C-alpha atoms as a PDB file:
ATOM      1  CA  MET A   1     -82.781 -21.800  54.254  1.00  0.00           C
ATOM      2  CA  SER A   2     -85.965 -22.147  56.307  1.00  0.00           C
ATOM      3  CA  GLU A   3     -89.069 -19.792  56.078  1.00  0.00           C
ATOM      4  CA  SER A   4     -88.201 -18.454  59.377  1.00  0.00           C
ATOM      5  CA  ASP A   5     -84.419 -17.950  58.366  1.00  0.00           C
ATOM      6  CA  GLN A   6     -85.721 -15.950  55.163  1.00  0.00           C
ATOM      7  CA  SER A   7     -88.514 -13.933  57.310  1.00  0.00           C
ATOM      8  CA  ASP A   8     -85.605 -12.843  59.701  1.00  0.00           C
ATOM      9  CA  ILE A   9     -83.554 -11.796  56.957  1.00  0.00           C
ATOM     10  CA  ALA A  10     -86.551  -9.940  55.359  1.00  0.00           C
ATOM     11  CA  THR A  11     -87.455  -8.026  58.639  1.00  0.00           C
ATOM     12  CA  SER A  12     -83.900  -7.450  59.657  1.00  0.00           C
ATOM     13  CA  GLY A  13     -82.121  -4.339  58.779  1.00  0.00           C
ATOM     14  CA  PRO A  14     -80.757  -0.839  59.815  1.00  0.00           C
ATOM     15  CA  SER A  15     -84.149   0.121  61.628  1.00  0.00           C
ATOM     16  CA  ASP A  16     -84.106  -3.218  63.761  1.00  0.00           C
ATOM     17  CA  THR A  17     -80.522  -2.374  65.089  1.00  0.00           C
ATOM     18  CA  GLY A  18     -80.918   1.411  65.485  1.00  0.00           C
ATOM     19  CA  ASP A  19     -78.059   1.879  62.778  1.00  0.00           C
ATOM     20  CA  VAL A  20     -79.537   4.263  60.229  1.00  0.00           C
ATOM     21  CA  PRO A  21     -77.174   5.466  57.471  1.00  0.00           C
ATOM     22  CA  ALA A  22     -76.754   9.251  57.733  1.00  0.00           C
ATOM     23  CA  ASP A  23     -78.045   9.815  54.233  1.00  0.00           C
ATOM     24  CA  ALA A  24     -81.614   7.981  54.967  1.00  0.00           C
ATOM     25  CA  PRO A  25     -84.602   9.945  54.298  1.00  0.00           C
ATOM     26  CA  GLU A  26     -85.368   9.696  57.923  1.00  0.00           C
ATOM     27  CA  ASN A  27     -82.178  11.498  58.773  1.00  0.00           C
ATOM     28  CA  ALA A  28     -82.830  14.450  56.290  1.00  0.00           C
ATOM     29  CA  PRO A  29     -84.736  16.697  58.918  1.00  0.00           C
ATOM     30  CA  ARG A  30     -82.127  15.821  61.698  1.00  0.00           C
ATOM     31  CA  ALA A  31     -79.407  16.811  59.370  1.00  0.00           C
ATOM     32  CA  ALA A  32     -81.034  20.197  57.829  1.00  0.00           C
ATOM     33  CA  GLU A  33     -81.778  21.056  61.848  1.00  0.00           C
ATOM     34  CA  GLN A  34     -77.874  20.533  62.443  1.00  0.00           C
ATOM     35  CA  GLN A  35     -76.699  22.306  59.470  1.00  0.00           C
ATOM     36  CA  ALA A  36     -79.149  25.406  60.027  1.00  0.00           C
ATOM     37  CA  ALA A  37     -77.714  25.590  63.749  1.00  0.00           C
ATOM     38  CA  ALA A  38     -74.207  25.449  62.393  1.00  0.00           C
ATOM     39  CA  HIS A  39     -75.088  28.615  60.284  1.00  0.00           C
ATOM     40  CA  GLU A  40     -76.874  30.614  62.955  1.00  0.00           C
ATOM     41  CA  PRO A  41     -75.651  34.072  63.319  1.00  0.00           C
ATOM     42  CA  SER A  42     -73.164  34.706  66.557  1.00  0.00           C
ATOM     43  CA  GLY A  43     -74.292  38.273  67.271  1.00  0.00           C
ATOM     44  CA  ASP A  44     -70.496  38.767  66.964  1.00  0.00           C
ATOM     45  CA  THR A  45     -69.596  42.025  64.566  1.00  0.00           C
ATOM     46  CA  LEU A  46     -66.427  43.247  63.046  1.00  0.00           C
ATOM     47  CA  GLY A  47     -65.571  46.865  62.577  1.00  0.00           C
ATOM     48  CA  SER A  48     -67.320  49.673  64.388  1.00  0.00           C
ATOM     49  CA  PRO A  49     -70.558  51.550  63.979  1.00  0.00           C
ATOM     50  CA  THR A  50     -68.698  54.618  63.916  1.00  0.00           C
ATOM     51  CA  ALA A  51     -65.439  55.525  62.369  1.00  0.00           C
ATOM     52  CA  GLU A  52     -62.104  55.192  64.438  1.00  0.00           C
ATOM     53  CA  PRO A  53     -59.477  57.210  62.837  1.00  0.00           C
ATOM     54  CA  GLY A  54     -55.920  56.270  64.057  1.00  0.00           C
ATOM     55  CA  VAL A  55     -56.875  52.517  64.934  1.00  0.00           C
ATOM     56  CA  GLU A  56     -54.141  51.142  62.628  1.00  0.00           C
ATOM     57  CA  ARG A  57     -51.150  49.514  64.538  1.00  0.00           C
ATOM     58  CA  ASP A  58     -47.479  50.005  63.630  1.00  0.00           C
ATOM     59  CA  PRO A  59     -46.391  47.073  61.493  1.00  0.00           C
ATOM     60  CA  GLU A  60     -43.452  46.564  63.680  1.00  0.00           C
ATOM     61  CA  GLU A  61     -45.987  45.744  66.525  1.00  0.00           C
ATOM     62  CA  TRP A  62     -47.752  43.117  64.441  1.00  0.00           C
ATOM     63  CA  VAL A  63     -47.529  39.568  66.248  1.00  0.00           C
ATOM     64  CA  THR A  64     -46.816  38.060  62.790  1.00  0.00           C
ATOM     65  CA  GLY A  65     -44.638  41.039  61.312  1.00  0.00           C
ATOM     66  CA  ASP A  66     -41.759  38.903  61.425  1.00  0.00           C
ATOM     67  CA  GLN A  67     -42.952  36.257  59.187  1.00  0.00           C
ATOM     68  CA  PRO A  68     -42.234  36.223  55.708  1.00  0.00           C
ATOM     69  CA  ALA A  69     -44.245  38.575  53.438  1.00  0.00           C
ATOM     70  CA  THR A  70     -47.261  36.996  51.756  1.00  0.00           C
ATOM     71  CA  GLU A  71     -47.627  36.374  48.089  1.00  0.00           C
ATOM     72  CA  PRO A  72     -50.100  38.802  47.880  1.00  0.00           C
ATOM     73  CA  GLN A  73     -48.041  41.186  49.454  1.00  0.00           C
ATOM     74  CA  LYS A  74     -45.024  40.617  47.035  1.00  0.00           C
ATOM     75  CA  SER A  75     -46.985  40.723  44.150  1.00  0.00           C
ATOM     76  CA  TYR A  76     -48.201  44.374  44.846  1.00  0.00           C
ATOM     77  CA  LEU A  77     -45.135  45.363  46.258  1.00  0.00           C
ATOM     78  CA  ASP A  78     -43.509  44.267  42.854  1.00  0.00           C
ATOM     79  CA  SER A  79     -46.136  46.095  40.718  1.00  0.00           C
ATOM     80  CA  LEU A  80     -45.572  49.501  42.994  1.00  0.00           C
ATOM     81  CA  ALA A  81     -41.997  49.053  42.912  1.00  0.00           C
ATOM     82  CA  ARG A  82     -41.919  48.662  38.973  1.00  0.00           C
ATOM     83  CA  GLN A  83     -44.194  51.719  38.802  1.00  0.00           C
ATOM     84  CA  ALA A  84     -41.650  53.488  40.972  1.00  0.00           C
ATOM     85  CA  GLY A  85     -38.676  52.460  39.041  1.00  0.00           C
ATOM     86  CA  GLU A  86     -37.123  50.849  42.259  1.00  0.00           C
ATOM     87  CA  GLU A  87     -35.700  47.371  42.921  1.00  0.00           C
ATOM     88  CA  ILE A  88     -36.691  46.021  46.513  1.00  0.00           C
ATOM     89  CA  SER A  89     -35.565  43.045  48.045  1.00  0.00           C
ATOM     90  CA  ALA A  90     -37.947  39.816  47.738  1.00  0.00           C
ATOM     91  CA  ASP A  91     -36.362  38.749  51.312  1.00  0.00           C
ATOM     92  CA  LEU A  92     -39.005  40.825  53.440  1.00  0.00           C
ATOM     93  CA  THR A  93     -40.984  40.319  56.268  1.00  0.00           C
ATOM     94  CA  LYS A  94     -44.821  40.926  56.337  1.00  0.00           C
ATOM     95  CA  ALA A  95     -43.993  44.444  58.407  1.00  0.00           C
ATOM     96  CA  GLU A  96     -41.281  45.542  55.989  1.00  0.00           C
ATOM     97  CA  ALA A  97     -43.532  44.405  53.009  1.00  0.00           C
ATOM     98  CA  SER A  98     -46.103  46.935  54.574  1.00  0.00           C
ATOM     99  CA  GLN A  99     -43.975  49.567  55.170  1.00  0.00           C
ATOM    100  CA  HIS A 100     -42.660  49.535  51.517  1.00  0.00           C
ATOM    101  CA  ILE A 101     -46.247  49.293  50.356  1.00  0.00           C
ATOM    102  CA  GLU A 102     -47.207  52.157  52.200  1.00  0.00           C
ATOM    103  CA  ARG A 103     -44.407  54.545  51.514  1.00  0.00           C
ATOM    104  CA  LEU A 104     -44.770  53.476  47.635  1.00  0.00           C
ATOM    105  CA  GLN A 105     -48.449  54.186  47.919  1.00  0.00           C
ATOM    106  CA  GLY A 106     -47.589  57.561  49.183  1.00  0.00           C
ATOM    107  CA  ASP A 107     -44.831  58.598  46.533  1.00  0.00           C
ATOM    108  CA  LEU A 108     -47.117  57.339  43.406  1.00  0.00           C
ATOM    109  CA  GLY A 109     -50.337  58.756  45.077  1.00  0.00           C
ATOM    110  CA  VAL A 110     -51.908  55.541  44.938  1.00  0.00           C
ATOM    111  CA  GLU A 111     -54.889  55.081  47.747  1.00  0.00           C
ATOM    112  CA  GLY A 112     -54.393  52.027  50.163  1.00  0.00           C
ATOM    113  CA  SER A 113     -56.857  49.400  50.251  1.00  0.00           C
END
């Protein structure tokens, strides 16, 4: 290999081609800016600054109410049903599970979450 070939190899690299690895130190400030931008507050809020009683929707009106009950629903319903001495089918929809949970909470004097 000639001296000029060795010189070309020694001076060539990512910075000569414009290809800088994402984890290169010179990319750290840019990556930090991108990450900060991704976590900036949107200004959106959930809930309300004032209480709004009666905003609960009937489970039968839920868009996903006819989907199978979730595992957390089934687990909580199982616990409530055992306390009440009831057996309830495990083949429930989300809406049906919610209705049973509310009924059993009332029967048992348990406050809902």
